[in-house]
């Protein structure tokens, strides 16, 4: 495992500045994409929960529980 890490490190050292810049940009895009996916997941979860609450309130109102 350490040998693989050393090999990857050597490859990175041999990369040009343009390649490193491109790699940084790609890493940032990947991170932002993951953050967006996580945000959308939890936002959808919250919206679903809110819809259930609205349905419960409406059903309570029609059954005269409020």
C-alpha atoms as a PDB file:
ATOM      1  CA  UNK A   1       0.000   0.000   0.000  1.00  0.00           C
ATOM      2  CA  UNK A   2       2.852   2.374   0.853  1.00  0.00           C
ATOM      3  CA  UNK A   3       4.574   1.481  -2.398  1.00  0.00           C
ATOM      4  CA  UNK A   4       1.490   2.505  -4.398  1.00  0.00           C
ATOM      5  CA  UNK A   5       1.311   5.820  -2.548  1.00  0.00           C
ATOM      6  CA  UNK A   6       4.975   6.493  -3.298  1.00  0.00           C
ATOM      7  CA  UNK A   7       4.448   5.712  -6.971  1.00  0.00           C
ATOM      8  CA  UNK A   8       1.460   8.066  -7.175  1.00  0.00           C
ATOM      9  CA  UNK A   9       3.495  10.776  -5.439  1.00  0.00           C
ATOM     10  CA  UNK A  10       6.295  10.372  -7.986  1.00  0.00           C
ATOM     11  CA  UNK A  11       3.801  10.643 -10.832  1.00  0.00           C
ATOM     12  CA  UNK A  12       2.387  13.855  -9.366  1.00  0.00           C
ATOM     13  CA  UNK A  13       5.871  15.325  -9.047  1.00  0.00           C
ATOM     14  CA  UNK A  14       6.489  14.686 -12.744  1.00  0.00           C
ATOM     15  CA  UNK A  15       3.299  16.480 -13.805  1.00  0.00           C
ATOM     16  CA  UNK A  16       3.539  19.898 -15.383  1.00  0.00           C
ATOM     17  CA  UNK A  17       1.983  22.979 -13.845  1.00  0.00           C
ATOM     18  CA  UNK A  18      -0.791  22.929 -16.457  1.00  0.00           C
ATOM     19  CA  UNK A  19      -1.618  19.330 -15.607  1.00  0.00           C
ATOM     20  CA  UNK A  20      -1.628  20.118 -11.890  1.00  0.00           C
ATOM     21  CA  UNK A  21      -3.925  23.086 -12.479  1.00  0.00           C
ATOM     22  CA  UNK A  22      -6.274  20.893 -14.511  1.00  0.00           C
ATOM     23  CA  UNK A  23      -6.166  18.261 -11.766  1.00  0.00           C
ATOM     24  CA  UNK A  24      -7.013  20.873  -9.119  1.00  0.00           C
ATOM     25  CA  UNK A  25      -9.949  22.125 -11.171  1.00  0.00           C
ATOM     26  CA  UNK A  26     -11.262  18.599 -11.658  1.00  0.00           C
ATOM     27  CA  UNK A  27     -10.930  17.848  -7.942  1.00  0.00           C
ATOM     28  CA  UNK A  28     -12.856  21.006  -7.064  1.00  0.00           C
ATOM     29  CA  UNK A  29     -15.591  20.130  -9.546  1.00  0.00           C
ATOM     30  CA  UNK A  30     -15.857  16.655  -8.030  1.00  0.00           C
ATOM     31  CA  UNK A  31     -16.103  18.077  -4.512  1.00  0.00           C
ATOM     32  CA  UNK A  32     -18.733  20.630  -5.527  1.00  0.00           C
ATOM     33  CA  UNK A  33     -20.701  17.968  -7.360  1.00  0.00           C
ATOM     34  CA  UNK A  34     -20.711  15.741  -4.280  1.00  0.00           C
ATOM     35  CA  UNK A  35     -21.773  18.669  -2.068  1.00  0.00           C
ATOM     36  CA  UNK A  36     -24.592  19.494  -4.472  1.00  0.00           C
ATOM     37  CA  UNK A  37     -25.785  15.885  -4.469  1.00  0.00           C
ATOM     38  CA  UNK A  38     -25.792  15.793  -0.677  1.00  0.00           C
ATOM     39  CA  UNK A  39     -27.645  19.116  -0.487  1.00  0.00           C
ATOM     40  CA  UNK A  40     -30.285  17.967  -2.991  1.00  0.00           C
ATOM     41  CA  UNK A  41     -30.770  14.687  -1.105  1.00  0.00           C
ATOM     42  CA  UNK A  42     -31.424  16.406   2.212  1.00  0.00           C
ATOM     43  CA  UNK A  43     -33.507  19.175   0.627  1.00  0.00           C
ATOM     44  CA  UNK A  44     -35.744  16.562  -1.020  1.00  0.00           C
ATOM     45  CA  UNK A  45     -35.965  14.703   2.267  1.00  0.00           C
ATOM     46  CA  UNK A  46     -37.042  17.907   4.020  1.00  0.00           C
ATOM     47  CA  UNK A  47     -39.610  18.731   1.319  1.00  0.00           C
ATOM     48  CA  UNK A  48     -41.067  15.229   1.543  1.00  0.00           C
ATOM     49  CA  UNK A  49     -41.351  15.591   5.308  1.00  0.00           C
ATOM     50  CA  UNK A  50     -43.034  18.991   4.908  1.00  0.00           C
ATOM     51  CA  UNK A  51     -45.546  17.548   2.422  1.00  0.00           C
ATOM     52  CA  UNK A  52     -46.459  14.798   4.882  1.00  0.00           C
ATOM     53  CA  UNK A  53     -46.964  17.402   7.612  1.00  0.00           C
ATOM     54  CA  UNK A  54     -49.227  19.479   5.355  1.00  0.00           C
ATOM     55  CA  UNK A  55     -51.286  16.404   4.502  1.00  0.00           C
ATOM     56  CA  UNK A  56     -51.654  15.574   8.203  1.00  0.00           C
ATOM     57  CA  UNK A  57     -52.745  19.114   9.024  1.00  0.00           C
ATOM     58  CA  UNK A  58     -55.274  19.138   6.170  1.00  0.00           C
ATOM     59  CA  UNK A  59     -56.697  15.777   7.237  1.00  0.00           C
ATOM     60  CA  UNK A  60     -56.955  17.003  10.813  1.00  0.00           C
ATOM     61  CA  UNK A  61     -58.736  20.145   9.645  1.00  0.00           C
ATOM     62  CA  UNK A  62     -61.249  18.188   7.565  1.00  0.00           C
ATOM     63  CA  UNK A  63     -61.891  15.859  10.499  1.00  0.00           C
ATOM     64  CA  UNK A  64     -62.418  18.889  12.809  1.00  0.00           C
ATOM     65  CA  UNK A  65     -59.560  18.012  15.118  1.00  0.00           C
ATOM     66  CA  UNK A  66     -58.168  21.540  15.060  1.00  0.00           C
END
